[in-house]
Amino acid sequence: TTPTTTPTTTPTTTPTTTPSTTPTTTPTTTPTTTPTTTPTTTPMTTPTTMSPTTTPFPVITPSCVESGCRVRREFTHMTSTEQFTFLGALVAVSTLPAHRTLYSHLMATHTDQFDSGIHSPSQFLPWHRWYLLQMENLLRQFDCQITLPYFDWSRYASHPFSAPIWAPDVLGGDGVPANGDCVSDGPFQTPQWAVLPNNTCLKREFSGSMANSSVIDVTLQTPVTSFPQFEATMRSVLHDTARCNVGGTMCSLRASNAPEYWLFTAFTDSIWERYQNRSTAHQNVFFNSITTPLAGTGGSVTPPNVLDNSALPGGVCVEYQTALNPVPTGVPTTAHTGIIIGGAGTLAPPPPPPPPGGANEISINGNSQEEDADDDEETVEAL
C-alpha cells in the first residue's frame, strides 16, 4: 500500500523533483559542474573556474632540509658540470624505479589537466609555478643540490636553435624527419629515453624565431591596470608560441615530458617574478582574490598560495639569478659520453623502445600539436 512516490525505498535515486532529499548542489566529487567560485570583481575578461577533475597529485616533498632560497640559474651560464648534473638528475627521476612512479604521475597531471583550466587566464601563471615546484622537489629527492634552471631564449631570438642547449652532448638537437621527427642524439634520444605513458620517442621540429628581449622589456612595463594584456602575452607569446617553435613533443599534450619544457617554463615564471617585483600591487594583482583551487591539486592549493616565490608551499623559497649579457659565445667543450647518475657513475637504465605508430595532430593557436595515435581522443580548447 506504500505510495509509489515513497522516497524512503530509493534513497540513492530520489527524483530531481524532490529537492528536500536531493540537495541542489553538485557533489564535491564532480567540481567541473559547479564553476561558480571565480570572483566577479576580477579584471580578466575570460575568468575560468575549472577545478580538479582527476585524482589529486600527491604532494612531493624534497628529502633534504631547506636552507635559504633555492637559486634558479640561467642554463647557458652554468658550467658544463652543472648542466650535466641537472640533466643526469632529470634522466634519473624519469627512469629509475625509485622515482619513476611520481615522475609518471607528474607527467600525467599536465596531460590530464591540459584542457581543464591550466591554460586559462585565472590559472596559467600560478598553476605552472606550482608545477615547477613539484618537479624541483622531485629532483631534490634524488640530489638535494639540484634546482631547476631556466633558459632565456630571448637572447637567441632570431636564431634560437643555434643556442648551446641544443648541442649533441646537452639536450640534443632537432628531430629527424625521416624518423618521424624523433630526436637521435643527446641523453634523451630514442631508444635510450622515452615519452610517457606510451614509451614513444621525444620529438622536435624546429621552426621560426622567438620574441626578443625588447618584447619582454615592453611586456614588463605593462601597468597593473592592464594586467589582462600582460597575462595574455605571457601565456600566448612567451609560452605557447615558444613551445611550438620547438615543435614535436613540446607542442603537444605531452609537452612536460620534453626536458626543455622545464627550462622554458621556468623562464616564463622568472619573467612573472620580475613583473611582481615592481611593486606590491604588481605582486598581488588579480590572483590574490581567486579562491578556486588550482586544477589537479585536490583543492589544496589556490593562486594566492603561490603568489610569492619566497614563500611557496612547504616553506620553499625560490629566486631567479639574472642572466648575464652578452650572449655567451662558447658552448661546453668537454664532450661527455653519457649522463652520469649521482656519484655511483652508472647510467640510468633505458626504458623500453617506443612502439611503432603514427600520430594525430590537433591545433592550438594555429600551431600543430601532436597527439599519440593510441591515446584516447581528446578535445583541446583554444588557449
Protein backbone atom coordinates (compact mmCIF):
# COMPACT_ATOMS: atom_id res chain seq x y z
CA THR A 1 0.00 0.00 0.00
CA THR A 2 3.01 2.26 0.06
CA PRO A 3 2.58 5.15 -2.38
CA THR A 4 4.67 4.89 -5.48
CA THR A 5 6.36 8.16 -4.61
CA THR A 6 7.82 6.94 -1.34
CA PRO A 7 11.47 8.14 -1.34
CA THR A 8 12.39 6.02 1.63
CA THR A 9 12.77 2.92 -0.52
CA THR A 10 15.09 4.59 -3.05
CA PRO A 11 17.49 6.74 -1.02
CA THR A 12 20.14 6.84 -3.74
CA THR A 13 17.89 7.54 -6.70
CA THR A 14 15.49 10.20 -5.44
CA PRO A 15 13.94 12.05 -8.40
CA THR A 16 15.16 15.53 -9.04
CA THR A 17 11.63 16.75 -8.34
CA THR A 18 12.02 16.11 -4.60
CA PRO A 19 14.59 18.73 -3.62
CA SER A 20 14.10 18.08 0.06
CA THR A 21 16.05 14.84 -0.29
CA THR A 22 18.26 15.84 -3.21
CA PRO A 23 20.32 18.97 -2.47
CA THR A 24 20.70 21.16 -5.47
CA THR A 25 24.42 21.50 -5.02
CA THR A 26 26.56 19.25 -7.17
CA PRO A 27 28.52 16.65 -5.14
CA THR A 28 32.05 17.74 -4.36
CA THR A 29 33.42 14.80 -6.31
CA THR A 30 32.40 16.47 -9.57
CA PRO A 31 33.77 20.02 -9.27
CA THR A 32 33.74 20.60 -13.00
CA THR A 33 29.95 21.01 -12.86
CA THR A 34 30.00 23.81 -10.32
CA PRO A 35 32.18 26.58 -11.77
CA THR A 36 30.88 29.33 -9.51
CA THR A 37 33.83 30.41 -7.42
CA THR A 38 35.68 32.96 -9.57
CA PRO A 39 35.31 36.44 -8.06
CA THR A 40 33.20 38.70 -10.23
CA THR A 41 35.49 41.60 -9.48
CA THR A 42 38.48 40.14 -11.30
CA PRO A 43 39.71 42.31 -14.18
CA MET A 44 40.09 39.36 -16.54
CA THR A 45 37.68 39.21 -19.43
CA THR A 46 37.66 35.41 -19.51
CA PRO A 47 37.95 34.13 -15.93
CA THR A 48 37.93 30.36 -15.69
CA THR A 49 36.84 28.39 -12.64
CA MET A 50 37.94 24.90 -13.54
CA SER A 51 38.53 22.63 -10.58
CA PRO A 52 40.48 19.38 -10.34
CA THR A 53 38.99 16.65 -12.48
CA THR A 54 41.25 13.73 -11.73
CA THR A 55 42.98 12.12 -8.78
CA PRO A 56 44.86 14.88 -6.95
CA PHE A 57 48.59 14.91 -7.40
CA PRO A 58 50.46 13.62 -4.33
CA VAL A 59 52.44 16.42 -2.76
CA ILE A 60 56.13 15.93 -3.48
CA THR A 61 58.50 16.96 -0.72
CA PRO A 62 62.28 17.06 -1.08
CA SER A 63 64.25 14.60 1.01
CA CYS A 64 66.57 17.31 2.32
CA VAL A 65 66.46 20.22 4.74
CA GLU A 66 65.83 23.58 3.11
CA SER A 67 68.49 26.17 3.89
CA GLY A 68 67.93 29.58 2.37
CA CYS A 69 66.45 30.22 -1.04
CA ARG A 70 66.85 27.86 -3.95
CA VAL A 71 68.62 29.76 -6.72
CA ARG A 72 67.46 29.02 -10.25
CA ARG A 73 70.13 29.93 -12.78
CA GLU A 74 70.17 30.56 -16.49
CA PHE A 75 71.16 27.27 -18.10
CA THR A 76 73.74 28.58 -20.59
CA HIS A 77 75.59 30.34 -17.76
CA MET A 78 76.03 27.15 -15.78
CA THR A 79 79.26 25.19 -16.15
CA SER A 80 79.15 22.03 -18.21
CA THR A 81 79.46 20.02 -15.00
CA GLU A 82 76.44 21.82 -13.51
CA GLN A 83 74.46 21.30 -16.68
CA PHE A 84 75.24 17.60 -16.80
CA THR A 85 74.43 17.20 -13.11
CA PHE A 86 70.98 18.66 -13.72
CA LEU A 87 70.40 16.57 -16.84
CA GLY A 88 71.59 13.47 -15.01
CA ALA A 89 69.06 14.09 -12.25
CA LEU A 90 66.31 14.54 -14.84
CA VAL A 91 67.25 11.26 -16.52
CA ALA A 92 67.32 9.59 -13.11
CA VAL A 93 63.88 10.63 -11.87
CA SER A 94 62.34 9.75 -15.24
CA THR A 95 63.83 6.27 -15.42
CA LEU A 96 64.91 4.88 -12.04
CA PRO A 97 62.25 2.79 -10.25
CA ALA A 98 62.62 4.74 -7.00
CA HIS A 99 61.38 7.93 -8.67
CA ARG A 100 59.58 6.85 -11.82
CA THR A 101 56.13 6.44 -10.23
CA LEU A 102 55.99 10.04 -9.01
CA TYR A 103 57.51 11.24 -12.27
CA SER A 104 54.84 9.39 -14.25
CA HIS A 105 52.11 10.93 -12.12
CA LEU A 106 53.63 14.38 -12.61
CA MET A 107 53.63 13.96 -16.39
CA ALA A 108 50.04 12.68 -16.35
CA THR A 109 48.92 15.66 -14.27
CA HIS A 110 49.85 18.11 -17.03
CA THR A 111 48.29 15.96 -19.74
CA ASP A 112 45.07 15.31 -17.80
CA GLN A 113 44.60 18.95 -16.87
CA PHE A 114 45.68 20.39 -20.23
CA ASP A 115 42.18 21.45 -21.19
CA SER A 116 40.80 21.75 -17.65
CA GLY A 117 41.79 25.31 -16.95
CA ILE A 118 45.57 25.32 -16.53
CA HIS A 119 45.95 27.41 -19.67
CA SER A 120 43.18 29.82 -18.73
CA PRO A 121 43.86 33.39 -17.53
CA SER A 122 42.89 32.57 -13.96
CA GLN A 123 45.22 29.58 -13.61
CA PHE A 124 48.03 29.65 -16.16
CA LEU A 125 50.72 31.58 -14.25
CA PRO A 126 50.10 30.22 -10.72
CA TRP A 127 49.47 26.66 -11.90
CA HIS A 128 52.74 26.45 -13.77
CA ARG A 129 54.61 27.95 -10.82
CA TRP A 130 53.16 25.19 -8.63
CA TYR A 131 54.04 22.59 -11.27
CA LEU A 132 57.66 23.76 -11.43
CA LEU A 133 57.86 23.39 -7.66
CA GLN A 134 56.65 19.78 -7.85
CA MET A 135 59.34 18.85 -10.40
CA GLU A 136 62.05 20.64 -8.46
CA ASN A 137 61.02 18.82 -5.28
CA LEU A 138 61.18 15.53 -7.14
CA LEU A 139 64.65 16.30 -8.50
CA ARG A 140 65.79 17.18 -4.98
CA GLN A 141 64.68 13.78 -3.76
CA PHE A 142 67.46 12.50 -5.98
CA ASP A 143 70.01 15.26 -5.33
CA CYS A 144 69.49 17.97 -2.71
CA GLN A 145 71.73 20.37 -4.63
CA ILE A 146 69.52 20.46 -7.72
CA THR A 147 67.42 23.47 -8.64
CA LEU A 148 65.54 24.00 -11.87
CA PRO A 149 67.47 26.12 -14.34
CA TYR A 150 65.79 28.35 -16.89
CA PHE A 151 66.68 29.09 -20.50
CA ASP A 152 66.48 32.73 -21.62
CA TRP A 153 65.75 32.01 -25.26
CA SER A 154 65.06 35.71 -25.93
CA ARG A 155 68.83 36.26 -26.18
CA TYR A 156 68.86 33.94 -29.19
CA ALA A 157 65.54 35.18 -30.59
CA SER A 158 66.46 35.39 -34.27
CA HIS A 159 68.38 32.11 -34.21
CA PRO A 160 67.02 30.18 -31.21
CA PHE A 161 68.18 26.79 -32.39
CA SER A 162 71.83 27.77 -32.56
CA ALA A 163 71.82 28.10 -28.77
CA PRO A 164 74.25 25.78 -26.99
CA ILE A 165 71.48 23.89 -25.18
CA TRP A 166 70.75 22.03 -28.42
CA ALA A 167 74.28 20.63 -28.66
CA PRO A 168 74.51 16.84 -29.11
CA ASP A 169 76.01 16.44 -25.66
CA VAL A 170 73.44 18.65 -23.88
CA LEU A 171 69.73 18.38 -24.79
CA GLY A 172 70.35 17.06 -28.26
CA GLY A 173 69.12 18.67 -31.43
CA ASP A 174 66.24 18.69 -33.87
CA GLY A 175 64.19 15.64 -34.70
CA VAL A 176 64.90 13.58 -37.80
CA PRO A 177 62.06 13.93 -40.34
CA ALA A 178 62.84 10.56 -41.90
CA ASN A 179 62.38 9.01 -38.46
CA GLY A 180 59.10 10.68 -37.53
CA ASP A 181 60.87 13.75 -36.06
CA CYS A 182 62.37 11.59 -33.30
CA VAL A 183 65.46 13.05 -31.62
CA SER A 184 68.51 10.94 -32.47
CA ASP A 185 71.26 12.49 -30.33
CA GLY A 186 71.83 13.54 -26.74
CA PRO A 187 70.75 11.84 -23.49
CA PHE A 188 67.04 11.92 -24.42
CA GLN A 189 67.31 10.21 -27.79
CA THR A 190 65.39 7.12 -28.75
CA PRO A 191 65.55 4.30 -27.72
CA GLN A 192 67.56 5.28 -24.62
CA TRP A 193 64.78 7.50 -23.29
CA ALA A 194 61.08 7.75 -23.95
CA VAL A 195 57.98 9.90 -23.54
CA LEU A 196 55.30 8.63 -21.16
CA PRO A 197 52.88 7.00 -20.93
CA ASN A 198 53.38 5.01 -24.14
CA ASN A 199 57.17 4.99 -24.39
CA THR A 200 57.18 6.95 -27.62
CA CYS A 201 60.20 8.91 -28.79
CA LEU A 202 60.95 12.53 -27.92
CA LYS A 203 60.13 14.62 -30.99
CA ARG A 204 61.25 18.06 -32.13
CA GLU A 205 60.52 20.07 -35.24
CA PHE A 206 62.44 23.34 -35.01
CA SER A 207 60.92 26.30 -36.82
CA GLY A 208 60.72 30.09 -36.73
CA SER A 209 62.12 32.70 -34.40
CA MET A 210 61.15 33.76 -30.89
CA ALA A 211 60.35 37.03 -29.15
CA ASN A 212 63.45 39.07 -28.37
CA SER A 213 64.37 40.78 -25.11
CA SER A 214 62.75 44.02 -26.25
CA VAL A 215 59.37 42.31 -26.36
CA ILE A 216 59.91 41.07 -22.82
CA ASP A 217 61.00 44.52 -21.63
CA VAL A 218 57.86 46.10 -23.07
CA THR A 219 55.72 43.36 -21.54
CA LEU A 220 57.26 44.03 -18.12
CA GLN A 221 56.22 47.68 -18.38
CA THR A 222 52.54 46.75 -18.64
CA PRO A 223 50.66 48.68 -15.92
CA VAL A 224 48.73 46.82 -13.27
CA THR A 225 45.50 48.19 -14.69
CA SER A 226 46.28 46.35 -17.94
CA PHE A 227 47.17 43.05 -16.32
CA PRO A 228 44.95 41.03 -18.73
CA GLN A 229 47.24 42.22 -21.53
CA PHE A 230 50.34 41.14 -19.59
CA GLU A 231 48.86 37.74 -18.79
CA ALA A 232 47.76 37.11 -22.38
CA THR A 233 51.24 37.94 -23.70
CA MET A 234 52.85 35.67 -21.13
CA ARG A 235 50.54 32.79 -21.93
CA SER A 236 50.28 33.05 -25.69
CA VAL A 237 53.54 34.61 -26.91
CA LEU A 238 56.08 33.78 -24.22
CA HIS A 239 54.87 30.24 -23.51
CA ASP A 240 52.65 28.68 -26.17
CA THR A 241 54.38 30.13 -29.23
CA ALA A 242 57.85 29.39 -27.89
CA ARG A 243 56.88 25.78 -27.16
CA CYS A 244 55.55 25.28 -30.63
CA ASN A 245 58.65 26.81 -32.20
CA VAL A 246 60.46 23.79 -30.76
CA GLY A 247 57.61 21.63 -32.03
CA GLY A 248 57.10 17.92 -31.66
CA THR A 249 56.56 16.81 -28.08
CA MET A 250 56.81 20.40 -26.82
CA CYS A 251 53.81 21.35 -28.95
CA SER A 252 51.60 18.52 -27.71
CA LEU A 253 49.54 17.39 -24.75
CA ARG A 254 52.67 15.56 -23.55
CA ALA A 255 54.75 18.77 -23.51
CA SER A 256 56.02 18.37 -19.96
CA ASN A 257 57.79 15.15 -20.97
CA ALA A 258 60.22 17.19 -23.06
CA PRO A 259 63.29 18.04 -20.96
CA GLU A 260 63.39 21.54 -22.42
CA TYR A 261 59.85 22.16 -21.16
CA TRP A 262 61.17 22.78 -17.66
CA LEU A 263 63.76 25.30 -18.83
CA PHE A 264 61.21 27.17 -20.95
CA THR A 265 58.51 27.18 -18.26
CA ALA A 266 60.96 28.32 -15.59
CA PHE A 267 61.88 31.22 -17.90
CA THR A 268 58.20 32.20 -18.11
CA ASP A 269 57.96 32.09 -14.32
CA SER A 270 61.10 34.20 -13.98
CA ILE A 271 59.52 36.90 -16.15
CA TRP A 272 56.40 36.88 -13.98
CA GLU A 273 58.59 37.22 -10.89
CA ARG A 274 60.33 40.23 -12.42
CA TYR A 275 56.91 41.79 -13.03
CA GLN A 276 55.80 41.03 -9.47
CA ASN A 277 58.94 42.59 -8.03
CA ARG A 278 57.98 46.00 -9.40
CA SER A 279 55.57 46.77 -6.53
CA THR A 280 53.15 45.25 -4.04
CA ALA A 281 50.34 45.93 -6.47
CA HIS A 282 52.18 44.02 -9.19
CA GLN A 283 52.82 41.19 -6.72
CA ASN A 284 49.17 40.65 -5.85
CA VAL A 285 47.25 41.80 -8.90
CA PHE A 286 44.29 39.63 -9.95
CA PHE A 287 45.25 36.29 -8.41
CA ASN A 288 45.16 37.41 -4.79
CA SER A 289 41.35 37.28 -4.75
CA ILE A 290 40.89 33.96 -6.55
CA THR A 291 39.89 31.11 -4.25
CA THR A 292 39.32 28.43 -6.86
CA PRO A 293 41.85 25.61 -6.28
CA LEU A 294 44.45 25.02 -8.94
CA ALA A 295 43.45 22.12 -11.18
CA GLY A 296 44.87 18.77 -10.18
CA THR A 297 45.93 19.80 -6.67
CA GLY A 298 42.99 18.16 -4.91
CA GLY A 299 41.82 21.53 -3.66
CA SER A 300 44.92 22.03 -1.54
CA VAL A 301 46.49 24.92 -3.49
CA THR A 302 44.93 28.19 -4.64
CA PRO A 303 46.56 31.01 -6.63
CA PRO A 304 47.32 33.13 -3.52
CA ASN A 305 49.37 30.21 -2.15
CA VAL A 306 51.94 30.62 -4.92
CA LEU A 307 51.97 34.39 -5.46
CA ASP A 308 55.26 34.82 -3.59
CA ASN A 309 58.25 32.79 -4.77
CA SER A 310 59.91 33.44 -1.43
CA ALA A 311 57.07 31.69 0.43
CA LEU A 312 55.89 28.76 -1.66
CA PRO A 313 54.04 25.71 -0.27
CA GLY A 314 56.21 23.63 2.02
CA GLY A 315 58.13 26.69 3.20
CA VAL A 316 60.16 26.80 -0.02
CA CYS A 317 61.91 29.99 -1.13
CA VAL A 318 62.90 30.38 -4.78
CA GLU A 319 64.78 33.16 -6.52
CA TYR A 320 65.97 33.58 -10.09
CA GLN A 321 69.52 34.64 -10.81
CA THR A 322 69.62 37.26 -13.55
CA ALA A 323 71.28 36.07 -16.74
CA LEU A 324 74.45 37.81 -17.75
CA ASN A 325 74.94 39.57 -21.06
CA PRO A 326 76.11 39.41 -23.76
CA VAL A 327 75.13 36.04 -25.17
CA PRO A 328 77.91 33.57 -24.37
CA THR A 329 79.90 32.70 -27.47
CA GLY A 330 81.14 29.31 -26.39
CA VAL A 331 79.48 26.00 -25.66
CA PRO A 332 80.71 23.32 -23.30
CA THR A 333 83.80 21.95 -24.97
CA THR A 334 84.17 18.79 -22.93
CA ALA A 335 82.22 16.11 -24.73
CA HIS A 336 80.60 13.57 -22.46
CA THR A 337 79.60 10.08 -23.44
CA GLY A 338 76.62 9.82 -21.16
CA ILE A 339 74.76 11.45 -18.32
CA ILE A 340 76.20 10.21 -15.05
CA ILE A 341 73.66 9.37 -12.37
CA GLY A 342 74.77 10.53 -8.93
CA GLY A 343 78.18 9.61 -7.58
CA ALA A 344 77.91 5.95 -8.46
CA GLY A 345 78.87 6.59 -12.06
CA THR A 346 76.12 4.46 -13.53
CA LEU A 347 73.81 5.31 -16.36
CA ALA A 348 70.08 5.17 -15.83
CA PRO A 349 68.61 2.05 -17.43
CA PRO A 350 66.80 2.90 -20.65
CA PRO A 351 63.03 2.39 -20.82
CA PRO A 352 61.61 0.05 -23.47
CA PRO A 353 61.98 1.30 -27.03
CA PRO A 354 59.00 3.20 -28.42
CA PRO A 355 56.48 1.11 -30.34
CA PRO A 356 55.88 1.91 -33.99
CA GLY A 357 52.89 4.07 -34.75
CA GLY A 358 51.78 7.32 -36.24
CA ALA A 359 50.47 10.48 -34.68
CA ASN A 360 47.35 12.53 -34.92
CA GLU A 361 47.61 16.29 -34.93
CA ILE A 362 45.48 18.88 -33.22
CA SER A 363 45.81 22.63 -33.36
CA ILE A 364 46.33 25.21 -30.64
CA ASN A 365 46.61 28.87 -31.61
CA GLY A 366 47.26 27.77 -35.16
CA ASN A 367 50.21 25.60 -34.14
CA SER A 368 50.24 21.92 -34.90
CA GLN A 369 50.09 19.86 -31.72
CA GLU A 370 50.84 16.17 -31.91
CA GLU A 371 48.95 13.54 -30.00
CA ASP A 372 49.85 9.86 -29.88
CA ALA A 373 47.62 7.84 -32.17
CA ASP A 374 46.81 5.28 -29.50
CA ASP A 375 45.80 7.87 -26.90
CA ASP A 376 42.16 8.40 -26.09
CA GLU A 377 40.62 11.07 -28.27
CA GLU A 378 40.82 14.43 -26.54
CA THR A 379 39.44 17.84 -27.36
CA VAL A 380 41.77 20.74 -26.72
CA GLU A 381 40.15 24.11 -26.26
CA ALA A 382 41.60 27.22 -27.86
CA LEU A 383 44.01 28.88 -25.49
